[in-house]
Protein backbone atom coordinates (compact mmCIF):
# COMPACT_ATOMS: atom_id res chain seq x y z
CA UNK A 1 6.89 18.85 26.46
CA UNK A 2 7.30 15.08 26.71
CA UNK A 3 10.45 14.21 24.80
CA UNK A 4 9.84 10.46 25.07
CA UNK A 5 7.43 10.39 22.11
CA UNK A 6 7.81 11.26 18.45
CA UNK A 7 4.86 12.47 16.36
CA UNK A 8 5.61 9.45 14.12
CA UNK A 9 4.47 5.84 14.35
CA UNK A 10 6.36 2.63 13.70
CA UNK A 11 5.55 -0.86 12.44
CA UNK A 12 7.35 -4.06 13.36
CA UNK A 13 7.68 -5.13 9.72
CA UNK A 14 6.27 -4.31 6.29
CA UNK A 15 3.01 -6.26 6.63
CA UNK A 16 2.16 -4.73 10.00
CA UNK A 17 -0.72 -2.35 9.26
CA UNK A 18 -1.34 -1.40 12.89
CA UNK A 19 1.19 1.40 13.57
CA UNK A 20 2.18 2.16 17.15
CA UNK A 21 3.46 5.43 18.65
CA UNK A 22 7.23 5.70 18.29
CA UNK A 23 8.97 6.24 21.61
CA UNK A 24 12.57 7.29 22.07
CA UNK A 25 13.27 4.02 23.88
CA UNK A 26 11.82 1.92 21.08
CA UNK A 27 13.63 3.89 18.39
CA UNK A 28 17.00 3.50 20.10
CA UNK A 29 16.37 -0.20 20.69
CA UNK A 30 15.89 -0.63 16.96
CA UNK A 31 19.07 1.27 16.11
CA UNK A 32 21.11 -0.66 18.66
CA UNK A 33 19.42 -4.02 18.25
CA UNK A 34 21.19 -7.13 17.02
CA UNK A 35 18.11 -8.20 15.03
CA UNK A 36 18.13 -5.05 12.90
CA UNK A 37 21.86 -5.43 12.34
CA UNK A 38 21.56 -9.07 11.32
CA UNK A 39 18.66 -8.49 8.94
CA UNK A 40 20.43 -5.52 7.35
CA UNK A 41 23.51 -7.66 6.75
CA UNK A 42 21.33 -10.24 4.98
CA UNK A 43 19.72 -7.54 2.81
CA UNK A 44 23.16 -6.34 1.77
CA UNK A 45 24.09 -9.75 0.40
CA UNK A 46 22.29 -8.54 -2.75
CA UNK A 47 20.93 -11.97 -3.55
CA UNK A 48 17.49 -13.30 -4.49
CA UNK A 49 16.30 -13.13 -0.86
CA UNK A 50 17.43 -9.57 -0.12
CA UNK A 51 14.03 -7.97 -0.73
CA UNK A 52 12.33 -10.66 1.35
CA UNK A 53 14.67 -10.05 4.29
CA UNK A 54 14.06 -6.29 4.11
CA UNK A 55 10.34 -6.81 4.74
CA UNK A 56 11.15 -8.01 8.26
CA UNK A 57 12.91 -4.81 9.31
CA UNK A 58 11.05 -2.36 11.59
CA UNK A 59 10.00 0.82 9.86
CA UNK A 60 8.91 4.34 10.74
CA UNK A 61 6.06 6.30 9.18
CA UNK A 62 8.02 9.55 9.20
CA UNK A 63 5.41 11.47 7.21
CA UNK A 64 2.29 10.62 9.22
CA UNK A 65 0.84 9.02 12.33
CA UNK A 66 -2.40 7.06 12.48
CA UNK A 67 -3.78 7.38 16.02
CA UNK A 68 -4.31 3.64 16.45
CA UNK A 69 -6.06 3.19 13.09
CA UNK A 70 -5.03 1.22 10.02
CA UNK A 71 -2.05 2.56 8.08
CA UNK A 72 -3.53 4.19 5.01
CA UNK A 73 -3.69 7.67 3.56
CA UNK A 74 -7.28 8.20 4.74
CA UNK A 75 -6.22 7.82 8.40
CA UNK A 76 -2.94 9.72 8.11
CA UNK A 77 -2.22 12.73 10.32
CA UNK A 78 0.82 14.73 9.15
CA UNK A 79 3.80 14.72 11.52
CA UNK A 80 5.59 17.77 10.13
CA UNK A 81 8.39 15.52 8.83
CA UNK A 82 9.04 13.99 5.44
CA UNK A 83 11.60 11.56 4.08
CA UNK A 84 13.70 11.83 0.93
CA UNK A 85 14.50 8.37 -0.44
CA UNK A 86 17.60 8.41 -2.64
CA UNK A 87 18.02 5.16 -4.58
CA UNK A 88 21.51 5.22 -6.08
CA UNK A 89 21.01 1.78 -7.60
CA UNK A 90 18.37 3.33 -9.87
CA UNK A 91 20.77 5.89 -11.32
CA UNK A 92 22.27 5.58 -14.84
CA UNK A 93 25.85 5.09 -13.63
CA UNK A 94 24.84 2.05 -11.59
CA UNK A 95 23.13 0.52 -14.61
CA UNK A 96 26.12 1.30 -16.84
CA UNK A 97 28.55 -0.29 -14.37
CA UNK A 98 26.35 -3.38 -14.14
CA UNK A 99 26.54 -3.84 -17.92
CA UNK A 100 30.21 -2.93 -18.29
CA UNK A 101 31.78 -4.42 -15.16
CA UNK A 102 29.21 -6.70 -13.57
CA UNK A 103 26.96 -6.82 -10.53
CA UNK A 104 29.67 -6.75 -7.87
CA UNK A 105 31.32 -3.61 -9.28
CA UNK A 106 27.97 -1.84 -9.58
CA UNK A 107 26.95 -2.60 -6.00
CA UNK A 108 30.40 -1.67 -4.68
CA UNK A 109 30.19 1.75 -6.36
CA UNK A 110 26.63 2.35 -5.13
CA UNK A 111 27.51 1.44 -1.54
CA UNK A 112 30.54 3.73 -1.55
CA UNK A 113 28.50 6.52 -3.14
CA UNK A 114 25.72 6.14 -0.56
CA UNK A 115 28.17 6.50 2.32
CA UNK A 116 29.85 9.52 0.74
CA UNK A 117 26.58 11.32 0.04
CA UNK A 118 25.30 10.62 3.54
CA UNK A 119 28.47 12.10 5.01
CA UNK A 120 28.38 15.12 2.70
CA UNK A 121 24.75 15.92 3.48
CA UNK A 122 25.42 15.50 7.19
CA UNK A 123 28.21 18.08 6.92
CA UNK A 124 25.82 20.46 5.15
CA UNK A 125 23.30 20.19 7.99
CA UNK A 126 26.03 20.50 10.63
CA UNK A 127 27.17 23.73 8.98
CA UNK A 128 23.59 24.94 9.12
CA UNK A 129 23.44 24.01 12.80
CA UNK A 130 26.47 26.27 13.31
CA UNK A 131 24.83 29.15 11.41
CA UNK A 132 27.45 28.95 8.68
CA UNK A 133 24.92 28.06 6.02
CA UNK A 134 21.43 29.40 5.37
CA UNK A 135 20.04 26.73 3.07
CA UNK A 136 17.12 25.95 5.39
CA UNK A 137 17.61 22.20 5.02
CA UNK A 138 15.83 21.31 8.26
CA UNK A 139 17.30 17.82 8.35
CA UNK A 140 16.81 15.74 11.52
CA UNK A 141 18.24 12.41 10.37
CA UNK A 142 20.36 10.83 7.63
CA UNK A 143 21.14 7.15 7.24
CA UNK A 144 22.22 4.70 4.58
CA UNK A 145 19.25 2.61 3.46
CA UNK A 146 18.89 -1.12 4.23
CA UNK A 147 20.21 -2.10 0.79
CA UNK A 148 23.36 -0.08 1.42
CA UNK A 149 22.89 1.49 -2.00
CA UNK A 150 20.70 4.42 -1.02
CA UNK A 151 20.17 7.14 1.57
CA UNK A 152 17.17 8.22 3.64
CA UNK A 153 17.05 11.89 4.63
CA UNK A 154 14.42 12.85 7.23
CA UNK A 155 13.63 16.55 7.47
CA UNK A 156 11.13 19.09 8.73
CA UNK A 157 8.55 20.21 6.22
CA UNK A 158 9.31 23.71 4.94
CA UNK A 159 6.79 26.52 5.30
CA UNK A 160 6.99 27.30 1.57
CA UNK A 161 5.85 23.79 0.58
CA UNK A 162 2.28 22.53 0.51
CA UNK A 163 2.81 18.80 0.05
CA UNK A 164 5.25 15.96 0.62
CA UNK A 165 6.13 16.05 -3.07
CA UNK A 166 7.02 19.75 -2.93
CA UNK A 167 9.16 19.23 0.19
CA UNK A 168 11.01 16.33 -1.41
CA UNK A 169 11.68 18.26 -4.62
CA UNK A 170 12.94 21.28 -2.69
CA UNK A 171 15.33 19.30 -0.50
CA UNK A 172 16.61 17.21 -3.41
CA UNK A 173 17.39 20.42 -5.29
CA UNK A 174 19.34 21.80 -2.33
CA UNK A 175 21.25 18.54 -1.90
CA UNK A 176 21.83 18.13 -5.63
CA UNK A 177 20.45 14.63 -5.95
CA UNK A 178 17.91 12.47 -7.72
CA UNK A 179 15.33 10.71 -5.54
CA UNK A 180 12.41 8.30 -5.58
CA UNK A 181 9.38 10.42 -6.44
CA UNK A 182 6.99 7.56 -5.60
CA UNK A 183 7.53 7.99 -1.83
CA UNK A 184 5.14 10.93 -1.51
CA UNK A 185 2.18 9.11 0.06
CA UNK A 186 1.44 9.77 3.71
CA UNK A 187 1.27 6.10 4.69
CA UNK A 188 4.73 5.25 3.31
CA UNK A 189 7.02 3.29 5.63
CA UNK A 190 10.80 3.72 5.73
CA UNK A 191 12.87 0.82 7.01
CA UNK A 192 15.40 1.42 9.76
CA UNK A 193 19.07 0.45 9.85
CA UNK A 194 21.67 0.12 12.63
CA UNK A 195 23.07 3.13 14.44
CA UNK A 196 26.40 2.96 12.61
CA UNK A 197 24.56 3.71 9.34
CA UNK A 198 23.39 7.09 10.65
CA UNK A 199 25.63 10.03 9.74
CA UNK A 200 23.31 12.62 11.28
CA UNK A 201 20.67 12.31 14.01
CA UNK A 202 19.04 15.20 15.86
CA UNK A 203 17.11 12.93 18.19
CA UNK A 204 15.86 15.76 20.41
CA UNK A 205 14.13 17.37 17.43
CA UNK A 206 12.41 14.12 16.58
CA UNK A 207 11.19 13.44 20.11
CA UNK A 208 9.78 16.75 21.26
CA UNK A 209 6.35 17.02 19.69
CA UNK A 210 3.87 14.91 21.63
CA UNK A 211 2.47 15.87 25.02
């Protein structure tokens, strides 16, 4: 096995439709890079430009690779991974806080909640790694999303599931969370964040698939 390559691709930013093979070196350079850190800080200002800034972050196509072709569902080759996108800022409590206490209070709660959930789910997977739990989570990575108000959970597809949607629903049920059901297409990109945002990373499981 060549553990320098992942079965996934990456794009430099949202409008890059020519995915490239994701190497371990490139992945770590993103996580440790000052550019990713700076852009993420701008996104978390939660102002009118936040969504624009996010589009310039590098992103991984966790759910498929494209073998040098355009990034679309027709060219997608499954990687064996999927990503659960938990958007806490879409949940009722966030909306209620916004109305009752204002924007700052709502974002503060969502950011704290994102960090706590990421830590809790990391502990669940760590227990599974130690054979204490038998949930079959199969998680390989957990990080707070670029907005700071969500969590991305990357996991192995489960043998009992036949689609991305089924895998996402199963994992969300085990974790006890709501999630973005739109992110079930193969060509979906998931933006990266700095290393300090990652509460769990099994990098050897991500980079052990491609010869």
